[in-house]
Amino acid sequence: MLKIWGRTTSSNVQKVLWLAGEIGLPYERIDAGGAFGVVDTPAYRAMNPNGLVPTIDDDGFVLWESNTIVRYLAAKHAAVSIYPADVRARADVERWMDWGTSVLAPAITPAFWQLVRTPPAQRDAAAVAASAARTAQATAILDARLADRPYLCGDALTLADVVCGINTYRWLNLDFAGAGHPRPPQPALQAWYERLAQRPAYRDAVMIPIT
């Protein structure tokens, strides 16, 4: 059986758990990272020298890097609707996956750390403001992309939605307004999020308390 190392609150682990839920893939998850430790043990570092999560073991094939993991699992299990076989359609999906990792995630991560994992008295208001502004710019790109389609790459959910949908949940559920930075209206993004929220695998893997 597929083994997944990582805590459920990790955005990168959530990608793998969400995909597994979408395609009905059974797995065993082992708590690792954060308060659980594990990632600094010699055994774990032998699998993943970065000491990060997630890491998977698929019948002896060990793999790390969350985007690579979900591509591998989707390809192995012939989930062609979520990871198209056509080279151009696949490139479109991978473009948004990479964008979600290189643009959206770095934009929101500082605010996440400040608003969730930093005590109020120690928060850096300037860091929250900068992160809110950068995330609003990034999600405006998503909002424009989704104006004429239900999912990022067309009519069906793909790995593009999996990667970008994780941090969209954080964007729409962190208390930016309470920090003095209300989110701008983004109706297409909101409608997309509501479509994702109808999917049991998204609810199970992503729509959990943000900690």
Protein backbone atom coordinates (compact mmCIF):
# COMPACT_ATOMS: atom_id res chain seq x y z
CA MET A 1 0.00 0.00 0.00
CA LEU A 2 1.07 3.56 -0.68
CA LYS A 3 2.64 5.23 2.38
CA ILE A 4 2.52 9.00 2.83
CA TRP A 5 4.64 10.75 5.44
CA GLY A 6 3.31 14.13 6.53
CA ARG A 7 0.92 15.95 8.82
CA THR A 8 -2.58 16.77 7.59
CA THR A 9 -2.14 20.52 8.17
CA SER A 10 0.72 20.82 5.66
CA SER A 11 -0.43 22.43 2.42
CA ASN A 12 1.96 20.25 0.41
CA VAL A 13 0.76 17.07 2.09
CA GLN A 14 -2.82 18.13 1.43
CA LYS A 15 -2.17 18.03 -2.33
CA VAL A 16 -1.33 14.34 -2.10
CA LEU A 17 -4.21 13.50 0.23
CA TRP A 18 -6.70 15.40 -1.93
CA LEU A 19 -5.55 13.65 -5.10
CA ALA A 20 -5.69 10.25 -3.40
CA GLY A 21 -9.24 10.99 -2.35
CA GLU A 22 -10.25 12.11 -5.84
CA ILE A 23 -8.99 8.96 -7.54
CA GLY A 24 -9.95 6.52 -4.77
CA LEU A 25 -6.37 5.57 -3.97
CA PRO A 26 -5.91 3.80 -0.60
CA TYR A 27 -2.94 4.81 1.50
CA GLU A 28 -1.39 4.73 4.93
CA ARG A 29 -0.43 8.13 6.31
CA ILE A 30 2.31 8.53 8.90
CA ASP A 31 2.44 11.74 10.96
CA ALA A 32 5.66 13.61 10.28
CA GLY A 33 6.85 17.19 10.39
CA GLY A 34 6.06 20.02 12.77
CA ALA A 35 5.22 18.85 16.27
CA PHE A 36 5.45 15.22 15.17
CA GLY A 37 9.15 15.38 14.39
CA VAL A 38 10.35 12.32 12.45
CA VAL A 39 11.80 14.38 9.60
CA ASP A 40 15.19 14.79 11.27
CA THR A 41 15.68 11.11 11.99
CA PRO A 42 18.34 9.25 10.01
CA ALA A 43 15.71 6.90 8.59
CA TYR A 44 13.61 9.74 7.24
CA ARG A 45 16.61 11.69 5.91
CA ALA A 46 17.65 8.57 4.04
CA MET A 47 14.35 8.81 2.17
CA ASN A 48 14.21 12.59 1.88
CA PRO A 49 17.48 14.47 2.49
CA ASN A 50 15.58 17.76 2.66
CA GLY A 51 13.79 16.75 5.85
CA LEU A 52 10.49 18.05 4.50
CA VAL A 53 7.05 16.57 3.91
CA PRO A 54 5.49 14.88 2.06
CA THR A 55 7.47 11.80 1.17
CA ILE A 56 5.85 8.70 -0.29
CA ASP A 57 6.84 5.07 -0.57
CA ASP A 58 4.95 3.35 -3.36
CA ASP A 59 5.88 -0.32 -3.17
CA GLY A 60 9.53 0.54 -2.66
CA PHE A 61 9.65 3.60 -4.90
CA VAL A 62 10.42 6.58 -2.67
CA LEU A 63 9.54 10.05 -3.93
CA TRP A 64 9.48 13.58 -2.54
CA GLU A 65 8.39 17.00 -3.86
CA SER A 66 4.62 17.37 -3.69
CA ASN A 67 3.97 18.44 -7.29
CA THR A 68 6.09 15.56 -8.57
CA ILE A 69 4.27 13.14 -6.28
CA VAL A 70 0.81 14.10 -7.54
CA ARG A 71 1.96 13.98 -11.17
CA TYR A 72 3.43 10.54 -10.60
CA LEU A 73 0.35 9.15 -8.86
CA ALA A 74 -2.04 10.58 -11.44
CA ALA A 75 0.06 9.21 -14.30
CA LYS A 76 0.48 5.79 -12.70
CA HIS A 77 -3.21 5.39 -12.04
CA ALA A 78 -4.25 6.71 -15.46
CA ALA A 79 -6.23 9.60 -14.04
CA VAL A 80 -6.34 11.21 -17.49
CA SER A 81 -9.11 13.66 -16.66
CA ILE A 82 -7.11 15.10 -13.78
CA TYR A 83 -3.75 14.87 -15.61
CA PRO A 84 -4.33 14.90 -19.38
CA ALA A 85 -2.34 12.71 -21.75
CA ASP A 86 -2.37 15.28 -24.56
CA VAL A 87 0.97 17.07 -24.42
CA ARG A 88 -0.45 20.59 -24.75
CA ALA A 89 -3.26 20.03 -22.29
CA ARG A 90 -0.74 18.54 -19.86
CA ALA A 91 1.59 21.50 -20.29
CA ASP A 92 -1.28 23.87 -19.50
CA VAL A 93 -1.98 21.96 -16.29
CA GLU A 94 1.69 21.91 -15.31
CA ARG A 95 2.03 25.64 -15.98
CA TRP A 96 -0.63 26.38 -13.37
CA MET A 97 0.86 23.84 -10.98
CA ASP A 98 4.23 25.57 -11.22
CA TRP A 99 2.61 29.00 -10.92
CA GLY A 100 0.77 27.88 -7.80
CA THR A 101 4.07 26.84 -6.26
CA SER A 102 6.24 29.73 -7.44
CA VAL A 103 3.77 32.65 -7.19
CA LEU A 104 0.68 31.91 -5.11
CA ALA A 105 2.28 29.92 -2.29
CA PRO A 106 5.13 32.39 -1.64
CA ALA A 107 2.64 35.26 -1.70
CA ILE A 108 0.39 33.91 1.04
CA THR A 109 2.91 32.05 3.18
CA PRO A 110 4.17 35.08 5.16
CA ALA A 111 0.62 36.04 6.15
CA PHE A 112 -0.14 32.44 7.07
CA TRP A 113 2.86 32.32 9.40
CA GLN A 114 2.03 35.68 10.95
CA LEU A 115 -1.72 35.17 11.39
CA VAL A 116 -1.67 31.49 12.37
CA ARG A 117 1.66 30.55 13.86
CA THR A 118 2.86 33.80 15.44
CA PRO A 119 1.45 35.08 18.76
CA PRO A 120 -0.51 38.33 18.22
CA ALA A 121 1.93 40.44 20.23
CA GLN A 122 4.81 39.31 18.03
CA ARG A 123 3.19 39.70 14.61
CA ASP A 124 4.81 41.80 11.93
CA ALA A 125 2.02 44.02 10.57
CA ALA A 126 4.13 45.10 7.60
CA ALA A 127 4.74 41.49 6.61
CA VAL A 128 1.00 40.75 6.76
CA ALA A 129 0.21 43.82 4.66
CA ALA A 130 2.79 42.93 2.01
CA SER A 131 1.62 39.33 1.89
CA ALA A 132 -2.04 40.35 1.61
CA ALA A 133 -1.22 42.67 -1.29
CA ARG A 134 0.84 40.05 -3.12
CA THR A 135 -1.81 37.39 -2.61
CA ALA A 136 -4.56 39.68 -3.87
CA GLN A 137 -2.53 40.25 -7.03
CA ALA A 138 -1.98 36.53 -7.48
CA THR A 139 -5.59 35.57 -6.86
CA ALA A 140 -6.69 38.29 -9.29
CA ILE A 141 -4.89 36.24 -11.95
CA LEU A 142 -6.86 33.18 -10.90
CA ASP A 143 -10.09 35.18 -10.88
CA ALA A 144 -9.49 36.34 -14.46
CA ARG A 145 -8.59 32.83 -15.60
CA LEU A 146 -11.76 31.40 -14.08
CA ALA A 147 -14.10 34.03 -15.52
CA ASP A 148 -15.06 31.80 -18.47
CA ARG A 149 -14.43 28.26 -17.22
CA PRO A 150 -15.40 26.19 -14.19
CA TYR A 151 -11.88 24.92 -13.48
CA LEU A 152 -8.45 26.32 -14.20
CA CYS A 153 -7.86 24.24 -17.32
CA GLY A 154 -11.38 23.79 -18.61
CA ASP A 155 -14.48 21.82 -17.71
CA ALA A 156 -12.88 19.26 -15.39
CA LEU A 157 -10.79 19.30 -12.24
CA THR A 158 -7.07 18.83 -12.89
CA LEU A 159 -3.85 18.90 -10.91
CA ALA A 160 -3.77 22.65 -11.57
CA ASP A 161 -6.81 23.03 -9.32
CA VAL A 162 -5.30 20.68 -6.74
CA VAL A 163 -2.15 22.76 -6.38
CA CYS A 164 -3.85 26.17 -6.47
CA GLY A 165 -6.93 25.15 -4.50
CA ILE A 166 -4.97 24.54 -1.31
CA ASN A 167 -3.78 28.11 -0.84
CA THR A 168 -7.04 29.52 -2.14
CA TYR A 169 -8.67 27.91 0.89
CA ARG A 170 -6.20 29.74 3.09
CA TRP A 171 -6.74 33.02 1.24
CA LEU A 172 -10.48 32.85 1.74
CA ASN A 173 -10.40 31.65 5.33
CA LEU A 174 -7.55 33.48 7.03
CA ASP A 175 -8.67 36.58 8.90
CA PHE A 176 -7.26 39.21 6.57
CA ALA A 177 -10.14 41.57 7.34
CA GLY A 178 -9.41 41.36 11.05
CA ALA A 179 -5.80 42.24 10.27
CA GLY A 180 -6.97 45.34 8.40
CA HIS A 181 -6.66 43.93 4.88
CA PRO A 182 -10.08 42.87 3.59
CA ARG A 183 -10.01 40.74 0.46
CA PRO A 184 -11.14 42.39 -2.79
CA PRO A 185 -14.23 40.95 -4.51
CA GLN A 186 -13.22 38.08 -6.77
CA PRO A 187 -16.47 36.46 -7.89
CA ALA A 188 -15.05 33.89 -10.29
CA LEU A 189 -12.52 32.74 -7.71
CA GLN A 190 -15.26 32.50 -5.10
CA ALA A 191 -17.47 30.45 -7.42
CA TRP A 192 -14.57 28.10 -8.17
CA TYR A 193 -13.88 27.67 -4.48
CA GLU A 194 -17.53 26.83 -3.89
CA ARG A 195 -17.32 24.18 -6.63
CA LEU A 196 -14.24 22.71 -4.96
CA ALA A 197 -16.04 22.73 -1.61
CA GLN A 198 -18.69 20.42 -3.08
CA ARG A 199 -16.07 17.72 -3.63
CA PRO A 200 -15.77 15.28 -0.71
CA ALA A 201 -12.03 14.79 -1.24
CA TYR A 202 -11.42 18.55 -1.01
CA ARG A 203 -13.51 18.84 2.13
CA ASP A 204 -11.71 15.94 3.75
CA ALA A 205 -8.15 16.93 2.86
CA VAL A 206 -8.23 20.73 2.71
CA MET A 207 -11.23 22.19 4.52
CA ILE A 208 -9.88 21.57 8.00
CA PRO A 209 -8.78 24.02 10.70
CA ILE A 210 -5.79 26.08 9.54
CA THR A 211 -2.99 25.49 12.03
